[in-house]
Amino acid sequence: AIVDRVEAFYRCSSDTKLRPNILLYTALVRAVDASGEVESASIQSIEDRVRRADIKIDSLFSLAVENARKRCRRSRA
């Protein structure tokens, strides 16, 4: 919901500095992971948004996604 609001605000704004970037999405993945309520679909949704927005994926984002997915697998086991 937070990212939806940020993305909507950016679309309504003419300020290019408000464009969501990889740092926002990395922080979001980490927040979801830290919440302990990680779902594979949530992480996939965030990753899909990054790809649709054609944002360059960096190593920190990739690591955050990998760690969150590991937690998903551990919590299902």
C-alpha atoms as a PDB file:
ATOM      1  CA  ALA A   1       0.000   0.000   0.000  1.00  0.00           C
ATOM      2  CA  ILE A   2       2.861   2.370   0.786  1.00  0.00           C
ATOM      3  CA  VAL A   3       4.502   1.826  -2.574  1.00  0.00           C
ATOM      4  CA  ASP A   4       1.159   2.277  -4.342  1.00  0.00           C
ATOM      5  CA  ARG A   5       0.831   5.673  -2.701  1.00  0.00           C
ATOM      6  CA  VAL A   6       4.406   6.699  -3.507  1.00  0.00           C
ATOM      7  CA  GLU A   7       4.025   5.616  -7.132  1.00  0.00           C
ATOM      8  CA  ALA A   8       0.673   7.410  -7.444  1.00  0.00           C
ATOM      9  CA  PHE A   9       2.123  10.579  -5.934  1.00  0.00           C
ATOM     10  CA  TYR A  10       4.984  10.450  -8.425  1.00  0.00           C
ATOM     11  CA  ARG A  11       2.593  10.004 -11.361  1.00  0.00           C
ATOM     12  CA  CYS A  12       0.637  13.079 -10.243  1.00  0.00           C
ATOM     13  CA  SER A  13       3.756  15.151  -9.707  1.00  0.00           C
ATOM     14  CA  SER A  14       6.047  16.875 -12.143  1.00  0.00           C
ATOM     15  CA  ASP A  15       9.008  16.458  -9.786  1.00  0.00           C
ATOM     16  CA  THR A  16      11.316  13.792 -11.213  1.00  0.00           C
ATOM     17  CA  LYS A  17      13.156  13.576  -7.881  1.00  0.00           C
ATOM     18  CA  LEU A  18      10.111  11.805  -6.438  1.00  0.00           C
ATOM     19  CA  ARG A  19      10.467   8.838  -8.791  1.00  0.00           C
ATOM     20  CA  PRO A  20      10.655   5.624  -6.763  1.00  0.00           C
ATOM     21  CA  ASN A  21      14.128   4.128  -7.040  1.00  0.00           C
ATOM     22  CA  ILE A  22      15.950   0.926  -6.161  1.00  0.00           C
ATOM     23  CA  LEU A  23      16.673   2.218  -2.648  1.00  0.00           C
ATOM     24  CA  LEU A  24      12.941   2.470  -1.901  1.00  0.00           C
ATOM     25  CA  TYR A  25      12.252  -1.022  -3.158  1.00  0.00           C
ATOM     26  CA  THR A  26      15.258  -2.481  -1.318  1.00  0.00           C
ATOM     27  CA  ALA A  27      14.056  -0.875   1.919  1.00  0.00           C
ATOM     28  CA  LEU A  28      10.588  -2.256   1.295  1.00  0.00           C
ATOM     29  CA  VAL A  29      11.892  -5.808   0.780  1.00  0.00           C
ATOM     30  CA  ARG A  30      13.933  -5.504   3.970  1.00  0.00           C
ATOM     31  CA  ALA A  31      10.940  -4.170   5.912  1.00  0.00           C
ATOM     32  CA  VAL A  32       8.741  -7.033   4.727  1.00  0.00           C
ATOM     33  CA  ASP A  33      11.503  -9.489   5.606  1.00  0.00           C
ATOM     34  CA  ALA A  34      12.017  -7.964   9.062  1.00  0.00           C
ATOM     35  CA  SER A  35       8.303  -8.070   9.806  1.00  0.00           C
ATOM     36  CA  GLY A  36       8.491 -11.842  10.025  1.00  0.00           C
ATOM     37  CA  GLU A  37       5.383 -12.120   7.877  1.00  0.00           C
ATOM     38  CA  VAL A  38       7.206 -12.717   4.636  1.00  0.00           C
ATOM     39  CA  GLU A  39       5.208 -14.178   1.809  1.00  0.00           C
ATOM     40  CA  SER A  40       6.724 -15.213  -1.465  1.00  0.00           C
ATOM     41  CA  ALA A  41       3.979 -13.322  -3.333  1.00  0.00           C
ATOM     42  CA  SER A  42       4.855 -10.048  -1.561  1.00  0.00           C
ATOM     43  CA  ILE A  43       8.492 -10.289  -2.517  1.00  0.00           C
ATOM     44  CA  GLN A  44       7.584 -11.269  -6.076  1.00  0.00           C
ATOM     45  CA  SER A  45       5.230  -8.305  -6.324  1.00  0.00           C
ATOM     46  CA  ILE A  46       7.972  -5.898  -5.308  1.00  0.00           C
ATOM     47  CA  GLU A  47      10.409  -7.475  -7.740  1.00  0.00           C
ATOM     48  CA  ASP A  48       7.812  -7.231 -10.529  1.00  0.00           C
ATOM     49  CA  ARG A  49       7.309  -3.515  -9.834  1.00  0.00           C
ATOM     50  CA  VAL A  50      11.037  -2.909 -10.137  1.00  0.00           C
ATOM     51  CA  ARG A  51      11.193  -4.737 -13.455  1.00  0.00           C
ATOM     52  CA  ARG A  52       8.077  -2.981 -14.850  1.00  0.00           C
ATOM     53  CA  ALA A  53       9.524   0.399 -13.883  1.00  0.00           C
ATOM     54  CA  ASP A  54      12.743  -0.591 -15.691  1.00  0.00           C
ATOM     55  CA  ILE A  55      14.820   0.214 -12.617  1.00  0.00           C
ATOM     56  CA  LYS A  56      18.344  -1.142 -12.613  1.00  0.00           C
ATOM     57  CA  ILE A  57      18.594  -3.952 -10.064  1.00  0.00           C
ATOM     58  CA  ASP A  58      21.697  -3.722  -7.909  1.00  0.00           C
ATOM     59  CA  SER A  59      23.415  -6.252  -5.676  1.00  0.00           C
ATOM     60  CA  LEU A  60      21.812  -4.913  -2.473  1.00  0.00           C
ATOM     61  CA  PHE A  61      18.310  -5.383  -3.865  1.00  0.00           C
ATOM     62  CA  SER A  62      19.186  -8.858  -5.124  1.00  0.00           C
ATOM     63  CA  LEU A  63      20.609  -9.827  -1.735  1.00  0.00           C
ATOM     64  CA  ALA A  64      17.549  -8.484   0.111  1.00  0.00           C
ATOM     65  CA  VAL A  65      15.244 -10.489  -2.176  1.00  0.00           C
ATOM     66  CA  GLU A  66      17.360 -13.624  -1.761  1.00  0.00           C
ATOM     67  CA  ASN A  67      17.356 -13.315   2.041  1.00  0.00           C
ATOM     68  CA  ALA A  68      13.596 -12.728   2.137  1.00  0.00           C
ATOM     69  CA  ARG A  69      12.973 -15.763  -0.049  1.00  0.00           C
ATOM     70  CA  LYS A  70      15.168 -17.890   2.225  1.00  0.00           C
ATOM     71  CA  ARG A  71      13.093 -16.773   5.200  1.00  0.00           C
ATOM     72  CA  CYS A  72       9.928 -17.729   3.278  1.00  0.00           C
ATOM     73  CA  ARG A  73      11.263 -21.204   2.649  1.00  0.00           C
ATOM     74  CA  ARG A  74      12.355 -21.629   6.301  1.00  0.00           C
ATOM     75  CA  SER A  75       8.995 -20.477   7.628  1.00  0.00           C
ATOM     76  CA  ARG A  76       7.170 -22.990   5.411  1.00  0.00           C
ATOM     77  CA  ALA A  77       9.358 -25.875   6.567  1.00  0.00           C
END
